[in-house]
Amino acid sequence: MEHNFFVYQRRALRPLLRWGIGSSFIGAALTLLPSDYWRQFGTQAVTWGVIDLALAVAGQRTALVKAEQSFAGDMSEAKEHADADQFHRILQVNAGLDVIYILTGVFTAIRYANTPKRRGLGHGIAVQGLFLLIFDSLLARDVGARWL
């Protein structure tokens, strides 16, 4: 078990990084298919994947800088705890937003069931939202159990 929250946080963002990379590459391949459904699904995967990748890289970079500050003695335990609490709250808010993404995607897919482009859009949003809900919820639970 890590003894520094920021080392833990940096490692904990790896699944988001991998998901972002995978979504981007798979989504790009799907956009090359002749089907309107899969092209739109792929467009969603690329878009969300790039955003997830950027968030993971930025989060890992910030965690690395803060870990270095902590190890150098430039950060108090109280500040580390406050940052863990803030990260936990962000994950909880994100989990709520993820539910909205899923519902929006499902609604779009059902509402436009006869339009392959819109159905692909809806399913693409719902899949990304589902991953994020699982990721954010599990990570929030783990942060709460280990660090708060």
C-alpha atoms as a PDB file:
ATOM      1  CA  MET A   1       0.000   0.000   0.000  1.00  0.00           C
ATOM      2  CA  GLU A   2       1.216   3.470  -0.856  1.00  0.00           C
ATOM      3  CA  HIS A   3       2.041   5.783   2.021  1.00  0.00           C
ATOM      4  CA  ASN A   4       1.552   8.910  -0.063  1.00  0.00           C
ATOM      5  CA  PHE A   5      -1.809   9.868  -1.539  1.00  0.00           C
ATOM      6  CA  PHE A   6      -0.293  11.402  -4.652  1.00  0.00           C
ATOM      7  CA  VAL A   7       1.670   8.263  -5.559  1.00  0.00           C
ATOM      8  CA  TYR A   8      -1.591   6.357  -5.152  1.00  0.00           C
ATOM      9  CA  GLN A   9      -3.515   8.923  -7.225  1.00  0.00           C
ATOM     10  CA  ARG A  10      -1.006   8.755 -10.058  1.00  0.00           C
ATOM     11  CA  ARG A  11      -1.322   4.963 -10.228  1.00  0.00           C
ATOM     12  CA  ALA A  12      -5.098   5.084  -9.822  1.00  0.00           C
ATOM     13  CA  LEU A  13      -5.435   7.170 -12.995  1.00  0.00           C
ATOM     14  CA  ARG A  14      -3.817   4.465 -15.161  1.00  0.00           C
ATOM     15  CA  PRO A  15      -7.130   2.785 -16.095  1.00  0.00           C
ATOM     16  CA  LEU A  16      -8.489   6.134 -17.310  1.00  0.00           C
ATOM     17  CA  LEU A  17      -5.319   6.645 -19.343  1.00  0.00           C
ATOM     18  CA  ARG A  18      -5.611   3.183 -20.900  1.00  0.00           C
ATOM     19  CA  TRP A  19      -9.315   3.633 -21.593  1.00  0.00           C
ATOM     20  CA  GLY A  20      -8.598   6.960 -23.282  1.00  0.00           C
ATOM     21  CA  ILE A  21      -5.923   5.446 -25.504  1.00  0.00           C
ATOM     22  CA  GLY A  22      -8.041   2.411 -26.352  1.00  0.00           C
ATOM     23  CA  SER A  23     -11.168   4.452 -27.047  1.00  0.00           C
ATOM     24  CA  SER A  24      -9.230   6.808 -29.286  1.00  0.00           C
ATOM     25  CA  PHE A  25      -7.692   4.067 -31.416  1.00  0.00           C
ATOM     26  CA  ILE A  26     -10.751   1.829 -31.612  1.00  0.00           C
ATOM     27  CA  GLY A  27     -12.987   4.821 -32.248  1.00  0.00           C
ATOM     28  CA  ALA A  28     -10.726   6.029 -35.054  1.00  0.00           C
ATOM     29  CA  ALA A  29     -10.944   2.600 -36.692  1.00  0.00           C
ATOM     30  CA  LEU A  30     -14.739   2.576 -36.344  1.00  0.00           C
ATOM     31  CA  THR A  31     -15.027   5.941 -38.100  1.00  0.00           C
ATOM     32  CA  LEU A  32     -13.598   4.291 -41.222  1.00  0.00           C
ATOM     33  CA  LEU A  33     -16.460   1.795 -41.502  1.00  0.00           C
ATOM     34  CA  PRO A  34     -19.238   2.368 -44.065  1.00  0.00           C
ATOM     35  CA  SER A  35     -22.011   2.174 -41.444  1.00  0.00           C
ATOM     36  CA  ASP A  36     -23.422   5.483 -40.175  1.00  0.00           C
ATOM     37  CA  TYR A  37     -24.073   3.832 -36.805  1.00  0.00           C
ATOM     38  CA  TRP A  38     -20.464   2.712 -36.301  1.00  0.00           C
ATOM     39  CA  ARG A  39     -18.983   5.938 -37.647  1.00  0.00           C
ATOM     40  CA  GLN A  40     -20.945   7.956 -35.096  1.00  0.00           C
ATOM     41  CA  PHE A  41     -20.215   5.452 -32.319  1.00  0.00           C
ATOM     42  CA  GLY A  42     -16.531   5.705 -33.261  1.00  0.00           C
ATOM     43  CA  THR A  43     -16.645   9.495 -33.293  1.00  0.00           C
ATOM     44  CA  GLN A  44     -17.952   9.428 -29.727  1.00  0.00           C
ATOM     45  CA  ALA A  45     -15.213   6.984 -28.707  1.00  0.00           C
ATOM     46  CA  VAL A  46     -12.488   9.191 -30.201  1.00  0.00           C
ATOM     47  CA  THR A  47     -13.893  12.381 -28.678  1.00  0.00           C
ATOM     48  CA  TRP A  48     -14.373  10.964 -25.192  1.00  0.00           C
ATOM     49  CA  GLY A  49     -11.122   9.006 -25.444  1.00  0.00           C
ATOM     50  CA  VAL A  50      -9.046  12.096 -26.184  1.00  0.00           C
ATOM     51  CA  ILE A  51     -10.693  13.944 -23.280  1.00  0.00           C
ATOM     52  CA  ASP A  52     -10.131  10.992 -20.910  1.00  0.00           C
ATOM     53  CA  LEU A  53      -6.523  10.748 -22.048  1.00  0.00           C
ATOM     54  CA  ALA A  54      -5.939  14.471 -21.473  1.00  0.00           C
ATOM     55  CA  LEU A  55      -7.533  14.336 -18.010  1.00  0.00           C
ATOM     56  CA  ALA A  56      -5.480  11.290 -17.028  1.00  0.00           C
ATOM     57  CA  VAL A  57      -2.189  12.807 -18.225  1.00  0.00           C
ATOM     58  CA  ALA A  58      -2.905  16.136 -16.508  1.00  0.00           C
ATOM     59  CA  GLY A  59      -3.971  14.364 -13.315  1.00  0.00           C
ATOM     60  CA  GLN A  60      -0.897  12.142 -13.294  1.00  0.00           C
ATOM     61  CA  ARG A  61       1.382  15.119 -13.896  1.00  0.00           C
ATOM     62  CA  THR A  62      -0.212  17.088 -11.059  1.00  0.00           C
ATOM     63  CA  ALA A  63      -0.010  14.059  -8.754  1.00  0.00           C
ATOM     64  CA  LEU A  64       3.683  13.606  -9.599  1.00  0.00           C
ATOM     65  CA  VAL A  65       4.488  17.238  -8.796  1.00  0.00           C
ATOM     66  CA  LYS A  66       2.567  17.033  -5.512  1.00  0.00           C
ATOM     67  CA  ALA A  67       4.223  13.727  -4.594  1.00  0.00           C
ATOM     68  CA  GLU A  68       7.619  15.353  -5.104  1.00  0.00           C
ATOM     69  CA  GLN A  69       6.569  18.294  -2.908  1.00  0.00           C
ATOM     70  CA  SER A  70       5.341  15.903  -0.236  1.00  0.00           C
ATOM     71  CA  PHE A  71       8.528  13.827  -0.251  1.00  0.00           C
ATOM     72  CA  ALA A  72      10.622  17.017  -0.119  1.00  0.00           C
ATOM     73  CA  GLY A  73       8.726  18.080   2.994  1.00  0.00           C
ATOM     74  CA  ASP A  74       7.108  21.044   1.244  1.00  0.00           C
ATOM     75  CA  MET A  75       3.569  19.803   1.887  1.00  0.00           C
ATOM     76  CA  SER A  76       1.884  19.108   5.197  1.00  0.00           C
ATOM     77  CA  GLU A  77      -0.116  15.977   5.964  1.00  0.00           C
ATOM     78  CA  ALA A  78      -3.147  18.222   6.415  1.00  0.00           C
ATOM     79  CA  LYS A  79      -2.739  19.561   2.855  1.00  0.00           C
ATOM     80  CA  GLU A  80      -2.333  16.021   1.516  1.00  0.00           C
ATOM     81  CA  HIS A  81      -5.507  14.984   3.338  1.00  0.00           C
ATOM     82  CA  ALA A  82      -7.357  18.048   2.005  1.00  0.00           C
ATOM     83  CA  ASP A  83      -6.286  17.175  -1.547  1.00  0.00           C
ATOM     84  CA  ALA A  84      -7.458  13.581  -1.068  1.00  0.00           C
ATOM     85  CA  ASP A  85     -10.807  14.879   0.186  1.00  0.00           C
ATOM     86  CA  GLN A  86     -11.127  17.232  -2.788  1.00  0.00           C
ATOM     87  CA  PHE A  87     -10.309  14.416  -5.238  1.00  0.00           C
ATOM     88  CA  HIS A  88     -12.910  12.226  -3.515  1.00  0.00           C
ATOM     89  CA  ARG A  89     -15.580  14.932  -3.895  1.00  0.00           C
ATOM     90  CA  ILE A  90     -14.693  15.453  -7.566  1.00  0.00           C
ATOM     91  CA  LEU A  91     -15.085  11.722  -8.193  1.00  0.00           C
ATOM     92  CA  GLN A  92     -18.481  11.714  -6.468  1.00  0.00           C
ATOM     93  CA  VAL A  93     -19.725  14.665  -8.536  1.00  0.00           C
ATOM     94  CA  ASN A  94     -18.372  13.033 -11.687  1.00  0.00           C
ATOM     95  CA  ALA A  95     -20.223   9.802 -10.864  1.00  0.00           C
ATOM     96  CA  GLY A  96     -23.448  11.805 -10.737  1.00  0.00           C
ATOM     97  CA  LEU A  97     -22.640  13.396 -14.091  1.00  0.00           C
ATOM     98  CA  ASP A  98     -21.838   9.954 -15.500  1.00  0.00           C
ATOM     99  CA  VAL A  99     -25.395   8.831 -14.724  1.00  0.00           C
ATOM    100  CA  ILE A 100     -26.658  11.823 -16.703  1.00  0.00           C
ATOM    101  CA  TYR A 101     -24.399  10.878 -19.638  1.00  0.00           C
ATOM    102  CA  ILE A 102     -25.731   7.321 -19.617  1.00  0.00           C
ATOM    103  CA  LEU A 103     -29.361   8.435 -19.452  1.00  0.00           C
ATOM    104  CA  THR A 104     -28.814  11.000 -22.204  1.00  0.00           C
ATOM    105  CA  GLY A 105     -27.178   8.393 -24.417  1.00  0.00           C
ATOM    106  CA  VAL A 106     -29.918   5.828 -23.834  1.00  0.00           C
ATOM    107  CA  PHE A 107     -32.627   8.456 -24.395  1.00  0.00           C
ATOM    108  CA  THR A 108     -30.993   9.552 -27.659  1.00  0.00           C
ATOM    109  CA  ALA A 109     -30.650   5.962 -28.892  1.00  0.00           C
ATOM    110  CA  ILE A 110     -34.296   5.187 -28.089  1.00  0.00           C
ATOM    111  CA  ARG A 111     -35.690   8.495 -29.352  1.00  0.00           C
ATOM    112  CA  TYR A 112     -33.886   8.143 -32.672  1.00  0.00           C
ATOM    113  CA  ALA A 113     -34.043   4.354 -32.976  1.00  0.00           C
ATOM    114  CA  ASN A 114     -34.756   4.612 -36.715  1.00  0.00           C
ATOM    115  CA  THR A 115     -31.785   6.886 -37.389  1.00  0.00           C
ATOM    116  CA  PRO A 116     -28.497   4.934 -37.354  1.00  0.00           C
ATOM    117  CA  LYS A 117     -26.349   8.047 -36.861  1.00  0.00           C
ATOM    118  CA  ARG A 118     -28.288   9.175 -33.802  1.00  0.00           C
ATOM    119  CA  ARG A 119     -28.534   5.659 -32.414  1.00  0.00           C
ATOM    120  CA  GLY A 120     -24.747   5.318 -32.737  1.00  0.00           C
ATOM    121  CA  LEU A 121     -24.331   8.689 -31.047  1.00  0.00           C
ATOM    122  CA  GLY A 122     -26.551   7.621 -28.148  1.00  0.00           C
ATOM    123  CA  HIS A 123     -24.946   4.230 -27.688  1.00  0.00           C
ATOM    124  CA  GLY A 124     -21.485   5.783 -27.911  1.00  0.00           C
ATOM    125  CA  ILE A 125     -22.306   8.277 -25.163  1.00  0.00           C
ATOM    126  CA  ALA A 126     -23.898   5.596 -22.977  1.00  0.00           C
ATOM    127  CA  VAL A 127     -20.875   3.271 -23.248  1.00  0.00           C
ATOM    128  CA  GLN A 128     -18.436   6.040 -22.342  1.00  0.00           C
ATOM    129  CA  GLY A 129     -20.656   7.162 -19.477  1.00  0.00           C
ATOM    130  CA  LEU A 130     -20.908   3.603 -18.170  1.00  0.00           C
ATOM    131  CA  PHE A 131     -17.139   3.179 -18.076  1.00  0.00           C
ATOM    132  CA  LEU A 132     -16.746   6.525 -16.328  1.00  0.00           C
ATOM    133  CA  LEU A 133     -19.462   5.679 -13.792  1.00  0.00           C
ATOM    134  CA  ILE A 134     -17.706   2.433 -12.887  1.00  0.00           C
ATOM    135  CA  PHE A 135     -14.277   4.083 -12.794  1.00  0.00           C
ATOM    136  CA  ASP A 136     -15.345   7.135 -10.781  1.00  0.00           C
ATOM    137  CA  SER A 137     -17.505   5.156  -8.336  1.00  0.00           C
ATOM    138  CA  LEU A 138     -14.914   2.480  -7.596  1.00  0.00           C
ATOM    139  CA  LEU A 139     -12.120   5.018  -7.269  1.00  0.00           C
ATOM    140  CA  ALA A 140     -14.220   7.257  -4.989  1.00  0.00           C
ATOM    141  CA  ARG A 141     -14.993   4.270  -2.773  1.00  0.00           C
ATOM    142  CA  ASP A 142     -11.320   3.287  -2.646  1.00  0.00           C
ATOM    143  CA  VAL A 143     -10.121   6.834  -1.914  1.00  0.00           C
ATOM    144  CA  GLY A 144     -12.680   7.110   0.869  1.00  0.00           C
ATOM    145  CA  ALA A 145     -11.629   3.803   2.409  1.00  0.00           C
ATOM    146  CA  ARG A 146      -7.864   4.353   2.168  1.00  0.00           C
ATOM    147  CA  TRP A 147      -7.348   8.071   2.608  1.00  0.00           C
ATOM    148  CA  LEU A 148     -10.309   9.640   4.433  1.00  0.00           C
END
